[in-house]
Amino acid sequence: MNIPRRILVVGGVAGGASAAAKARRVDEHAEIHVFERGPYISFANCGLPYFIAGEITDRAKLVVMTPEAFWARSRVHAHVQHEVLSINRATKTIRVKGPDGVERDEPYDKLILSQGANPIVPPIPGVTLPHVFTLRDIPDMDRIVAFINERQPRHAVVIGGGFIGLEMAEAFHRRGMHVTVVERLPHILPLLDADMARQLQNEVRRTDFVFKPKAQATAFTADGVEFADGAQLPADLILLSVGVRAEIELAREAGLEIGTTGGVKTNGRMESSDPDIYAVGDAAETQHALTGARARIALAGPANRQGRIAGANAAGAKLVYPGALGTSIVRVRHMVAGFTGLNSEQATKAGFSFFTSLTRDHSHAHYYPGAKPVMIKLLAEEGTGRLLGAQVLGENGVDKRVDVLATAIAGRMSVDDLESLDLAYAPPFGSANDPINTAGFVAGHIGRGDISTVAPETWRPEGEFLLDVRDPDELAEHGRLVGAVNIPLSQLRDRLTELPQDRRIVAYCQKGQRGYLATCALLGQGFGKVANLRGGFLQAKLNGLPVE
């Protein structure tokens, strides 16, 4: 009789629990143990901010799996409050300390590390005060909820404008607090390009929900936050969300190779430098699915899929993880921001020559009630038009557009392919040309060179004739680019003599479509030097072009 293989998993939650469950499905006879340092073997860590906000009311639903249920369903031995102290690769054992303080050695055939990451706590004076928190697990959540219920704080300061920081800012706002989001970089959500992040900030900012960019906190006090520029903010509650650090001490002490991104270096099979030890989740370095570059993407979806692959391979399968695109989404008050692939900075760093397009469309048919603007920015490779990245903002329908674009990137599709995608349409759900199709139309025109365009991120007027084709009431309400001449689109063909033949004409409207139509008309009328300003006046203003 063959001796069953012994698979040990260090850490539960997304990666570890998925690994153990998949290992069981591959090998019915393996002996599988999960050792979790905390009190919960698997919980919905992405749901914690929504419980704090009061949107999730049943705390028990956050506990995805109990040890008893794991055994009953999958015959997995789940040990909570068991800390793994060390790994002995020579003897293939781990040292475990149980809740009674007793230490013991556990042998393994295959070992899976799924320890996640810890919130970074900067060495700022006052960081240990009782109203300063981080959020990693259910006990952290319970402490924050108890503090809010008991103290009834009025002013919350969130240090860090990433995904968790914004989710927590919204949670505090829903609990009736004045919220300030502090970010040391020039804008929130560093994954977004600056123009998209500014648009998001403009949409959600209000008197009791504000942003403080380019700010460095230097001290926390009993009633506020002090900054390097001498400014102060009142704060009854402070949340630190400045990033996470991979928990790799066990791996490092065991002599496993640590990658350039600070995670345990793995190959496509999720094997570490020791083929009998796997690493998954926030503590694992894998690769970016588009560039192939080494990457550590701390998101729950990749952690689950990595765990599944590691568990299967530990049990004898031969699965390969292709990497992740970093597809992500966050709600900030009434707005939603989605991202996939590369942003402009990442694409430049990866060595791509690329162009961008920007469109504003409706979430569904404009005549059906409830239609809201959806803003899509695409990054595509010069020459091929291959889709490299996408950023989407809006109130409705952001999730499905991001998912379609993530699928398109994974399928190595071009922006031309987006033009002909056959997407579901009925007035409550979309338009005959979905915002994805429209984004493809615009990016396709740019990529093929059908018309000349200028990008507001990089272009500044230098002697061009600026043609504003909006209606006069729009100018009165929003202003115009400095030096622009207004000729409404409806009058353009009758006023061609007012336009120069010896200078390049840069046309623009509010969003971009009428500027495109004006550019086409002028080219057809024999004007040889004409370009459309991508994204129109709104995008130009977001990118700092001078307005009067």
Protein backbone atom coordinates (compact mmCIF):
# COMPACT_ATOMS: atom_id res chain seq x y z
CA MET A 1 0.00 0.00 0.00
CA ASN A 2 1.36 3.42 -0.98
CA ILE A 3 1.95 5.91 1.80
CA PRO A 4 -0.26 8.99 1.22
CA ARG A 5 1.64 12.16 0.37
CA ARG A 6 1.64 14.72 3.15
CA ILE A 7 0.83 18.29 2.06
CA LEU A 8 1.19 21.11 4.59
CA VAL A 9 -0.09 24.64 4.03
CA VAL A 10 1.13 27.62 6.05
CA GLY A 11 -1.61 30.26 6.16
CA GLY A 12 -5.26 30.08 5.22
CA VAL A 13 -7.57 32.76 3.78
CA ALA A 14 -7.61 33.07 -0.04
CA GLY A 15 -4.45 31.32 -1.19
CA GLY A 16 -3.97 28.68 1.50
CA ALA A 17 -7.56 27.50 1.72
CA SER A 18 -7.83 27.33 -2.08
CA ALA A 19 -4.59 25.32 -2.23
CA ALA A 20 -5.77 22.80 0.32
CA ALA A 21 -9.18 22.36 -1.28
CA LYS A 22 -7.69 21.90 -4.76
CA ALA A 23 -5.07 19.46 -3.49
CA ARG A 24 -7.88 17.31 -2.10
CA ARG A 25 -9.73 17.33 -5.42
CA VAL A 26 -6.59 16.16 -7.20
CA ASP A 27 -5.54 13.56 -4.62
CA GLU A 28 -8.30 11.96 -2.59
CA HIS A 29 -5.82 10.10 -0.39
CA ALA A 30 -3.33 12.84 0.51
CA GLU A 31 -3.00 13.93 4.14
CA ILE A 32 -3.55 17.69 4.08
CA HIS A 33 -3.00 20.12 6.96
CA VAL A 34 -3.44 23.91 7.07
CA PHE A 35 -1.77 25.87 9.88
CA GLU A 36 -3.22 29.32 10.47
CA ARG A 37 -1.75 31.69 13.05
CA GLY A 38 -5.02 33.59 13.50
CA PRO A 39 -8.43 32.44 14.74
CA TYR A 40 -10.02 31.99 11.28
CA ILE A 41 -8.96 29.50 8.65
CA SER A 42 -10.67 31.40 5.83
CA PHE A 43 -12.48 34.71 5.90
CA ALA A 44 -13.62 37.31 3.39
CA ASN A 45 -10.90 39.89 3.93
CA CYS A 46 -12.15 41.96 0.99
CA GLY A 47 -15.49 42.29 2.78
CA LEU A 48 -14.08 43.86 5.96
CA PRO A 49 -14.53 47.52 4.89
CA TYR A 50 -18.12 46.85 3.93
CA PHE A 51 -18.92 45.40 7.36
CA ILE A 52 -17.36 48.46 8.97
CA ALA A 53 -19.54 50.62 6.69
CA GLY A 54 -22.66 48.75 7.81
CA GLU A 55 -23.46 47.43 4.32
CA ILE A 56 -22.77 43.85 5.42
CA THR A 57 -24.70 43.31 8.63
CA ASP A 58 -24.16 39.61 9.35
CA ARG A 59 -20.61 39.20 10.69
CA ALA A 60 -20.86 35.40 10.48
CA LYS A 61 -21.03 35.60 6.70
CA LEU A 62 -17.47 36.91 6.62
CA VAL A 63 -16.23 33.54 7.90
CA VAL A 64 -15.97 31.56 4.68
CA MET A 65 -14.87 28.24 6.17
CA THR A 66 -14.52 26.80 9.68
CA PRO A 67 -12.14 23.97 10.59
CA GLU A 68 -15.11 21.71 11.19
CA ALA A 69 -16.65 22.48 7.80
CA PHE A 70 -13.30 22.07 6.04
CA TRP A 71 -12.91 18.60 7.49
CA ALA A 72 -16.48 17.59 6.70
CA ARG A 73 -16.32 18.83 3.12
CA SER A 74 -12.74 18.12 2.08
CA ARG A 75 -11.11 16.06 4.84
CA VAL A 76 -8.59 18.83 5.41
CA HIS A 77 -7.09 19.20 8.88
CA ALA A 78 -7.37 22.93 9.63
CA HIS A 79 -5.42 24.12 12.69
CA VAL A 80 -6.19 27.68 13.83
CA GLN A 81 -4.00 29.61 16.29
CA HIS A 82 -1.06 27.49 15.22
CA GLU A 83 2.06 29.46 14.35
CA VAL A 84 4.73 28.02 12.10
CA LEU A 85 8.10 29.05 13.54
CA SER A 86 10.60 27.62 11.07
CA ILE A 87 11.20 25.37 8.07
CA ASN A 88 13.87 22.68 8.01
CA ARG A 89 14.39 21.86 4.35
CA ALA A 90 16.99 19.17 5.12
CA THR A 91 14.57 17.09 7.20
CA LYS A 92 11.47 18.39 5.35
CA THR A 93 9.76 19.44 8.56
CA ILE A 94 8.21 22.60 9.93
CA ARG A 95 8.25 23.72 13.57
CA VAL A 96 4.75 24.55 14.82
CA LYS A 97 3.62 26.18 18.08
CA GLY A 98 0.04 25.42 19.11
CA PRO A 99 -2.34 27.55 21.19
CA ASP A 100 -1.07 25.79 24.33
CA GLY A 101 2.47 26.99 23.65
CA VAL A 102 3.76 23.48 22.93
CA GLU A 103 6.07 23.18 19.92
CA ARG A 104 6.26 20.17 17.63
CA ASP A 105 7.75 19.18 14.27
CA GLU A 106 5.47 18.30 11.36
CA PRO A 107 6.91 16.43 8.36
CA TYR A 108 5.90 17.27 4.79
CA ASP A 109 6.28 15.94 1.29
CA LYS A 110 5.10 19.21 -0.19
CA LEU A 111 4.83 22.56 1.58
CA ILE A 112 2.76 25.56 0.45
CA LEU A 113 3.45 29.03 1.88
CA SER A 114 0.46 31.36 1.92
CA GLN A 115 1.28 33.87 4.62
CA GLY A 116 0.10 36.99 2.85
CA ALA A 117 1.36 40.43 3.72
CA ASN A 118 1.28 42.77 6.70
CA PRO A 119 0.22 46.41 6.60
CA ILE A 120 3.19 48.75 6.61
CA VAL A 121 3.28 50.80 9.83
CA PRO A 122 5.54 53.81 9.31
CA PRO A 123 7.66 54.95 12.27
CA ILE A 124 5.63 58.10 12.92
CA PRO A 125 5.37 59.51 16.46
CA GLY A 126 1.98 58.61 17.90
CA VAL A 127 1.45 55.58 15.67
CA THR A 128 0.64 53.41 18.72
CA LEU A 129 -2.14 55.69 19.99
CA PRO A 130 -5.46 53.86 20.56
CA HIS A 131 -7.29 55.69 17.76
CA VAL A 132 -4.71 54.68 15.09
CA PHE A 133 -5.56 51.48 13.21
CA THR A 134 -4.55 49.18 10.37
CA LEU A 135 -6.87 46.65 8.73
CA ARG A 136 -5.74 43.12 7.85
CA ASP A 137 -8.12 40.64 9.45
CA ILE A 138 -11.36 40.18 11.40
CA PRO A 139 -9.84 41.07 14.79
CA ASP A 140 -8.65 44.38 13.28
CA MET A 141 -12.15 44.93 11.93
CA ASP A 142 -13.72 44.18 15.30
CA ARG A 143 -11.46 46.72 17.01
CA ILE A 144 -12.37 49.44 14.52
CA VAL A 145 -16.11 48.73 14.77
CA ALA A 146 -15.98 48.71 18.57
CA PHE A 147 -14.09 52.02 18.58
CA ILE A 148 -16.62 53.65 16.26
CA ASN A 149 -19.58 52.36 18.28
CA GLU A 150 -18.12 53.43 21.61
CA ARG A 151 -16.37 56.71 20.74
CA GLN A 152 -18.59 58.01 17.91
CA PRO A 153 -15.69 59.74 16.12
CA ARG A 154 -16.50 62.73 13.92
CA HIS A 155 -13.28 63.22 11.95
CA ALA A 156 -11.43 60.37 10.25
CA VAL A 157 -8.10 60.67 8.45
CA VAL A 158 -7.03 57.88 6.10
CA ILE A 159 -3.31 57.79 5.36
CA GLY A 160 -2.98 56.33 1.87
CA GLY A 161 -5.16 56.72 -1.21
CA GLY A 162 -4.95 53.19 -2.59
CA PHE A 163 -7.78 50.67 -2.88
CA ILE A 164 -8.09 49.76 0.81
CA GLY A 165 -7.65 53.39 1.88
CA LEU A 166 -10.49 54.53 -0.37
CA GLU A 167 -12.76 51.67 0.66
CA MET A 168 -12.18 52.56 4.29
CA ALA A 169 -12.67 56.28 3.61
CA GLU A 170 -16.05 55.48 2.13
CA ALA A 171 -16.87 53.21 5.08
CA PHE A 172 -16.11 56.00 7.57
CA HIS A 173 -18.11 58.47 5.51
CA ARG A 174 -21.09 56.11 5.52
CA ARG A 175 -20.77 55.99 9.30
CA GLY A 176 -21.26 59.76 9.42
CA MET A 177 -17.68 61.00 9.69
CA HIS A 178 -15.92 63.84 7.95
CA VAL A 179 -13.16 62.08 6.00
CA THR A 180 -9.80 63.29 4.68
CA VAL A 181 -7.74 61.01 2.44
CA VAL A 182 -4.03 61.81 2.67
CA GLU A 183 -1.75 60.72 -0.17
CA ARG A 184 1.96 61.46 -0.46
CA LEU A 185 1.81 61.21 -4.28
CA PRO A 186 0.16 63.88 -6.47
CA HIS A 187 -3.11 61.95 -6.73
CA ILE A 188 -5.06 59.03 -5.30
CA LEU A 189 -5.02 55.55 -6.87
CA PRO A 190 -1.48 55.58 -8.30
CA LEU A 191 -2.49 52.81 -10.73
CA LEU A 192 -4.59 55.38 -12.59
CA ASP A 193 -3.04 57.93 -14.91
CA ALA A 194 -3.06 61.42 -13.41
CA ASP A 195 -5.89 62.71 -15.60
CA MET A 196 -8.19 59.83 -14.68
CA ALA A 197 -7.36 60.14 -10.98
CA ARG A 198 -8.06 63.88 -11.06
CA GLN A 199 -11.41 63.22 -12.73
CA LEU A 200 -12.29 60.76 -9.96
CA GLN A 201 -11.26 63.23 -7.27
CA ASN A 202 -13.32 65.98 -8.87
CA GLU A 203 -16.38 63.73 -9.04
CA VAL A 204 -16.38 62.54 -5.42
CA ARG A 205 -14.92 65.50 -3.51
CA ARG A 206 -17.32 67.35 -1.21
CA THR A 207 -17.04 69.39 1.96
CA ASP A 208 -17.00 66.29 4.19
CA PHE A 209 -15.02 64.02 1.85
CA VAL A 210 -11.77 65.63 0.80
CA PHE A 211 -8.28 64.78 -0.45
CA LYS A 212 -4.90 66.04 0.66
CA PRO A 213 -2.36 65.01 -2.02
CA LYS A 214 1.41 65.50 -1.92
CA ALA A 215 1.25 65.40 1.87
CA GLN A 216 3.56 63.72 4.37
CA ALA A 217 2.24 62.99 7.88
CA THR A 218 4.93 63.55 10.51
CA ALA A 219 3.07 62.95 13.78
CA PHE A 220 -0.19 61.62 15.19
CA THR A 221 -1.61 63.26 18.29
CA ALA A 222 -4.57 62.56 20.53
CA ASP A 223 -6.76 64.83 18.43
CA GLY A 224 -5.15 65.15 15.00
CA VAL A 225 -2.44 64.68 12.38
CA GLU A 226 0.55 66.94 11.80
CA PHE A 227 2.23 67.32 8.41
CA ALA A 228 5.67 68.20 7.10
CA ASP A 229 4.43 71.54 5.76
CA GLY A 230 3.19 72.56 9.21
CA ALA A 231 -0.48 71.89 8.46
CA GLN A 232 -2.69 70.07 10.94
CA LEU A 233 -5.91 68.09 10.62
CA PRO A 234 -8.37 67.13 13.34
CA ALA A 235 -8.77 63.36 13.70
CA ASP A 236 -10.70 61.23 16.16
CA LEU A 237 -9.83 58.13 14.11
CA ILE A 238 -6.78 57.45 11.93
CA LEU A 239 -6.38 54.54 9.54
CA LEU A 240 -3.01 53.61 8.06
CA SER A 241 -3.21 52.22 4.54
CA VAL A 242 0.18 52.98 3.03
CA GLY A 243 0.84 49.57 1.53
CA VAL A 244 1.72 46.05 2.57
CA ARG A 245 4.95 44.15 3.06
CA ALA A 246 5.15 40.49 2.08
CA GLU A 247 5.54 38.12 5.03
CA ILE A 248 8.65 36.24 3.90
CA GLU A 249 10.63 35.71 7.12
CA LEU A 250 10.04 31.95 7.17
CA ALA A 251 11.08 31.63 3.54
CA ARG A 252 14.13 33.84 3.93
CA GLU A 253 15.35 31.99 7.03
CA ALA A 254 14.88 28.70 5.18
CA GLY A 255 17.15 29.95 2.39
CA LEU A 256 14.49 30.28 -0.32
CA GLU A 257 15.24 32.79 -3.06
CA ILE A 258 13.53 36.16 -2.63
CA GLY A 259 12.64 38.00 -5.82
CA THR A 260 13.33 41.59 -6.82
CA THR A 261 9.81 42.67 -5.81
CA GLY A 262 10.20 41.41 -2.25
CA GLY A 263 8.18 38.19 -2.58
CA VAL A 264 9.23 34.55 -2.63
CA LYS A 265 10.43 33.94 -6.18
CA THR A 266 8.32 31.33 -7.97
CA ASN A 267 8.14 29.75 -11.40
CA GLY A 268 5.04 29.06 -13.46
CA ARG A 269 4.18 26.04 -11.33
CA MET A 270 4.27 28.28 -8.22
CA GLU A 271 7.36 26.39 -7.03
CA SER A 272 9.94 28.33 -5.04
CA SER A 273 13.69 27.74 -5.48
CA ASP A 274 13.01 24.49 -3.58
CA PRO A 275 10.74 22.34 -5.82
CA ASP A 276 9.02 20.84 -2.78
CA ILE A 277 7.96 24.26 -1.45
CA TYR A 278 5.40 26.46 -3.17
CA ALA A 279 4.46 30.09 -2.49
CA VAL A 280 1.19 31.84 -3.33
CA GLY A 281 -0.68 35.07 -2.75
CA ASP A 282 0.65 38.38 -1.49
CA ALA A 283 3.98 36.84 -0.40
CA ALA A 284 4.75 35.30 -3.80
CA GLU A 285 6.57 36.91 -6.71
CA THR A 286 5.15 35.71 -10.02
CA GLN A 287 5.01 37.54 -13.34
CA HIS A 288 2.91 40.14 -15.11
CA ALA A 289 0.72 38.41 -17.68
CA LEU A 290 1.31 41.06 -20.35
CA THR A 291 4.98 41.97 -19.97
CA GLY A 292 6.37 38.83 -18.39
CA ALA A 293 8.22 41.01 -15.89
CA ARG A 294 8.58 39.84 -12.29
CA ALA A 295 5.62 41.08 -10.30
CA ARG A 296 3.96 40.80 -6.91
CA ILE A 297 0.26 41.58 -7.29
CA ALA A 298 -1.45 41.69 -3.91
CA LEU A 299 -5.04 40.96 -4.91
CA ALA A 300 -7.48 38.27 -3.79
CA GLY A 301 -8.28 36.95 -7.27
CA PRO A 302 -4.68 36.11 -8.20
CA ALA A 303 -4.11 34.66 -4.71
CA ASN A 304 -7.03 32.26 -5.17
CA ARG A 305 -5.86 31.12 -8.59
CA GLN A 306 -2.24 30.76 -7.49
CA GLY A 307 -3.40 28.69 -4.53
CA ARG A 308 -5.42 26.47 -6.81
CA ILE A 309 -2.43 25.84 -9.06
CA ALA A 310 0.00 25.25 -6.20
CA GLY A 311 -2.41 22.87 -4.48
CA ALA A 312 -2.96 20.90 -7.67
CA ASN A 313 0.76 20.65 -8.42
CA ALA A 314 1.61 19.70 -4.84
CA ALA A 315 -0.84 16.82 -5.29
CA GLY A 316 0.74 15.65 -8.54
CA ALA A 317 -0.75 17.82 -11.31
CA LYS A 318 1.18 19.96 -13.80
CA LEU A 319 -0.67 23.27 -14.01
CA VAL A 320 0.97 26.56 -15.01
CA TYR A 321 0.07 30.04 -13.79
CA PRO A 322 0.21 32.59 -16.66
CA GLY A 323 0.56 35.64 -14.43
CA ALA A 324 -1.90 38.42 -13.65
CA LEU A 325 -2.90 41.72 -15.23
CA GLY A 326 -3.70 43.39 -11.93
CA THR A 327 -7.35 43.86 -12.88
CA SER A 328 -9.01 45.72 -10.04
CA ILE A 329 -12.01 47.86 -9.17
CA VAL A 330 -13.03 50.15 -6.33
CA ARG A 331 -16.10 52.17 -5.42
CA VAL A 332 -15.62 55.67 -4.03
CA ARG A 333 -18.93 57.13 -2.95
CA HIS A 334 -21.11 57.16 -6.10
CA MET A 335 -18.20 56.59 -8.49
CA VAL A 336 -16.45 53.38 -9.55
CA ALA A 337 -12.90 53.13 -10.89
CA GLY A 338 -11.61 50.06 -12.72
CA PHE A 339 -8.16 49.20 -14.03
CA THR A 340 -6.47 46.44 -16.01
CA GLY A 341 -3.14 45.94 -17.73
CA LEU A 342 -0.59 48.78 -17.80
CA ASN A 343 -0.91 52.48 -17.07
CA SER A 344 1.14 55.06 -18.97
CA GLU A 345 4.05 55.00 -16.53
CA GLN A 346 4.21 51.21 -16.51
CA ALA A 347 3.97 50.98 -20.30
CA THR A 348 6.82 53.46 -20.67
CA LYS A 349 8.94 51.58 -18.13
CA ALA A 350 8.26 48.32 -19.96
CA GLY A 351 9.63 49.85 -23.17
CA PHE A 352 6.41 50.09 -25.17
CA SER A 353 5.78 52.79 -27.76
CA PHE A 354 2.09 53.46 -27.25
CA PHE A 355 -0.75 55.89 -27.79
CA THR A 356 -3.81 56.63 -25.69
CA SER A 357 -7.45 57.31 -26.43
CA LEU A 358 -10.18 58.65 -24.22
CA THR A 359 -13.95 58.45 -24.64
CA ARG A 360 -16.97 59.51 -22.67
CA ASP A 361 -20.14 57.56 -23.36
CA HIS A 362 -23.35 56.50 -21.59
CA SER A 363 -23.59 53.37 -19.44
CA HIS A 364 -26.67 52.37 -21.42
CA ALA A 365 -28.96 53.92 -24.04
CA HIS A 366 -29.11 57.64 -23.30
CA TYR A 367 -32.88 57.77 -23.67
CA TYR A 368 -33.49 55.02 -21.10
CA PRO A 369 -33.72 56.39 -17.53
CA GLY A 370 -30.65 56.20 -15.35
CA ALA A 371 -27.93 56.44 -18.01
CA LYS A 372 -24.67 57.73 -16.52
CA PRO A 373 -21.38 58.77 -18.12
CA VAL A 374 -18.68 56.13 -18.55
CA MET A 375 -15.14 57.33 -19.23
CA ILE A 376 -12.69 54.87 -20.85
CA LYS A 377 -8.98 55.45 -21.38
CA LEU A 378 -7.15 52.90 -23.51
CA LEU A 379 -3.42 52.36 -23.98
CA ALA A 380 -2.45 50.63 -27.21
CA GLU A 381 0.84 49.70 -28.86
CA GLU A 382 1.98 51.89 -31.74
CA GLY A 383 1.98 50.07 -35.03
CA THR A 384 0.01 47.00 -33.97
CA GLY A 385 -2.82 48.62 -31.98
CA ARG A 386 -2.50 45.80 -29.42
CA LEU A 387 -4.36 46.70 -26.24
CA LEU A 388 -1.96 47.26 -23.35
CA GLY A 389 -4.14 48.73 -20.63
CA ALA A 390 -7.47 50.28 -19.76
CA GLN A 391 -8.91 52.57 -17.10
CA VAL A 392 -12.64 53.08 -16.64
CA LEU A 393 -14.59 55.57 -14.52
CA GLY A 394 -18.31 55.90 -14.00
CA GLU A 395 -21.29 55.27 -11.77
CA ASN A 396 -22.78 52.28 -13.59
CA GLY A 397 -21.44 49.53 -15.80
CA VAL A 398 -17.76 50.00 -15.00
CA ASP A 399 -17.29 46.40 -13.87
CA LYS A 400 -18.44 44.75 -17.08
CA ARG A 401 -16.37 47.11 -19.26
CA VAL A 402 -13.22 46.45 -17.25
CA ASP A 403 -13.80 42.70 -17.44
CA VAL A 404 -14.30 42.83 -21.22
CA LEU A 405 -11.11 44.85 -21.61
CA ALA A 406 -9.15 42.52 -19.32
CA THR A 407 -10.30 39.60 -21.47
CA ALA A 408 -9.29 41.48 -24.60
CA ILE A 409 -5.78 42.08 -23.21
CA ALA A 410 -5.46 38.42 -22.20
CA GLY A 411 -6.50 37.47 -25.75
CA ARG A 412 -3.90 39.83 -27.24
CA MET A 413 -6.63 41.72 -29.07
CA SER A 414 -6.10 45.05 -30.80
CA VAL A 415 -8.20 48.18 -30.55
CA ASP A 416 -9.47 47.34 -34.05
CA ASP A 417 -10.93 44.14 -32.59
CA LEU A 418 -12.87 46.18 -30.04
CA GLU A 419 -14.72 47.96 -32.85
CA SER A 420 -16.44 44.76 -33.96
CA LEU A 421 -17.04 43.05 -30.61
CA ASP A 422 -20.60 41.71 -30.53
CA LEU A 423 -21.75 42.77 -27.07
CA ALA A 424 -25.18 42.39 -25.50
CA TYR A 425 -27.56 45.27 -26.11
CA ALA A 426 -30.95 46.32 -24.83
CA PRO A 427 -31.71 49.89 -23.68
CA PRO A 428 -31.49 49.15 -19.93
CA PHE A 429 -28.07 47.49 -20.30
CA GLY A 430 -26.08 49.15 -23.07
CA SER A 431 -26.18 50.87 -26.42
CA ALA A 432 -26.17 49.61 -29.98
CA ASN A 433 -22.55 50.66 -29.96
CA ASP A 434 -21.35 49.82 -26.46
CA PRO A 435 -18.84 52.15 -24.79
CA ILE A 436 -16.29 49.40 -25.52
CA ASN A 437 -17.07 49.66 -29.25
CA THR A 438 -16.87 53.45 -29.12
CA ALA A 439 -13.52 53.28 -27.37
CA GLY A 440 -12.38 50.94 -30.15
CA PHE A 441 -13.62 53.33 -32.85
CA VAL A 442 -11.68 56.25 -31.40
CA ALA A 443 -8.51 54.30 -30.64
CA GLY A 444 -8.69 52.66 -34.06
CA HIS A 445 -8.84 56.05 -35.79
CA ILE A 446 -5.78 57.17 -33.82
CA GLY A 447 -3.83 53.96 -34.38
CA ARG A 448 -4.49 53.85 -38.12
CA GLY A 449 -3.79 57.54 -38.53
CA ASP A 450 -7.21 58.20 -40.04
CA ILE A 451 -6.98 61.68 -38.56
CA SER A 452 -4.27 63.52 -36.69
CA THR A 453 -4.78 63.91 -32.94
CA VAL A 454 -2.94 65.53 -30.07
CA ALA A 455 -2.75 64.06 -26.58
CA PRO A 456 -3.59 66.52 -23.77
CA GLU A 457 -1.13 64.76 -21.45
CA THR A 458 1.83 65.89 -23.53
CA TRP A 459 0.69 68.59 -25.98
CA ARG A 460 0.94 72.32 -25.35
CA PRO A 461 -0.15 74.97 -27.89
CA GLU A 462 2.76 76.43 -29.87
CA GLY A 463 1.39 78.71 -32.55
CA GLU A 464 -1.54 76.48 -33.55
CA PHE A 465 -4.98 77.90 -34.27
CA LEU A 466 -7.26 76.62 -31.49
CA LEU A 467 -10.76 75.97 -32.79
CA ASP A 468 -13.51 75.57 -30.18
CA VAL A 469 -16.56 74.00 -31.86
CA ARG A 470 -18.82 74.01 -28.83
CA ASP A 471 -21.97 76.09 -28.53
CA PRO A 472 -21.66 79.53 -26.91
CA ASP A 473 -23.59 78.51 -23.79
CA GLU A 474 -20.98 75.81 -23.11
CA LEU A 475 -18.20 78.39 -23.24
CA ALA A 476 -20.12 80.65 -20.89
CA GLU A 477 -20.50 77.82 -18.38
CA HIS A 478 -17.10 76.11 -18.65
CA GLY A 479 -14.66 78.59 -20.18
CA ARG A 480 -12.31 77.98 -23.10
CA LEU A 481 -8.66 77.23 -23.75
CA VAL A 482 -6.59 80.38 -23.78
CA GLY A 483 -6.56 81.94 -27.25
CA ALA A 484 -9.22 79.64 -28.73
CA VAL A 485 -11.64 80.90 -31.40
CA ASN A 486 -15.22 79.71 -31.12
CA ILE A 487 -17.05 78.55 -34.23
CA PRO A 488 -19.87 76.12 -33.34
CA LEU A 489 -19.84 72.88 -35.31
CA SER A 490 -23.24 73.69 -36.84
CA GLN A 491 -21.77 76.88 -38.37
CA LEU A 492 -18.34 75.54 -39.32
CA ARG A 493 -18.91 74.86 -43.03
CA ASP A 494 -20.38 78.33 -43.52
CA ARG A 495 -17.42 80.09 -41.86
CA LEU A 496 -14.42 78.37 -43.42
CA THR A 497 -12.98 81.71 -44.57
CA GLU A 498 -12.32 82.57 -40.92
CA LEU A 499 -9.80 79.73 -40.62
CA PRO A 500 -6.12 79.92 -41.53
CA GLN A 501 -4.59 77.79 -44.29
CA ASP A 502 -0.99 78.27 -43.15
CA ARG A 503 -1.25 77.10 -39.53
CA ARG A 504 -2.22 73.81 -37.97
CA ILE A 505 -5.77 73.88 -36.63
CA VAL A 506 -6.42 72.00 -33.40
CA ALA A 507 -10.14 71.45 -32.97
CA TYR A 508 -11.86 70.56 -29.74
CA CYS A 509 -15.28 70.28 -28.16
CA GLN A 510 -16.38 69.32 -24.65
CA LYS A 511 -15.61 65.59 -24.81
CA GLY A 512 -14.01 64.87 -28.19
CA GLN A 513 -16.70 63.69 -30.60
CA ARG A 514 -17.60 67.05 -32.16
CA GLY A 515 -13.92 67.89 -32.39
CA TYR A 516 -13.47 64.68 -34.36
CA LEU A 517 -16.38 65.58 -36.65
CA ALA A 518 -14.95 69.06 -37.18
CA THR A 519 -11.55 67.58 -38.03
CA CYS A 520 -13.08 65.24 -40.60
CA ALA A 521 -15.05 68.10 -42.15
CA LEU A 522 -12.03 70.38 -42.42
CA LEU A 523 -9.89 67.65 -43.96
CA GLY A 524 -12.65 67.08 -46.49
CA GLN A 525 -12.72 70.80 -47.24
CA GLY A 526 -9.06 70.80 -48.15
CA PHE A 527 -7.43 71.96 -44.93
CA GLY A 528 -4.21 69.99 -44.75
CA LYS A 529 -3.06 70.70 -41.19
CA VAL A 530 -5.86 69.70 -38.79
CA ALA A 531 -5.84 67.73 -35.55
CA ASN A 532 -8.40 66.78 -32.93
CA LEU A 533 -7.68 67.29 -29.22
CA ARG A 534 -8.29 63.89 -27.61
CA GLY A 535 -10.89 63.99 -24.87
CA GLY A 536 -11.83 67.58 -25.65
CA PHE A 537 -11.95 70.52 -23.28
CA LEU A 538 -12.65 68.40 -20.20
CA GLN A 539 -9.51 66.35 -20.66
CA ALA A 540 -7.41 69.38 -21.54
CA LYS A 541 -8.46 71.05 -18.30
CA LEU A 542 -7.65 67.90 -16.29
CA ASN A 543 -4.17 67.92 -17.80
CA GLY A 544 -3.49 71.52 -16.92
CA LEU A 545 -3.86 73.29 -20.26
CA PRO A 546 -4.50 77.01 -19.59
CA VAL A 547 -8.15 78.02 -19.48
CA GLU A 548 -9.81 81.44 -19.62
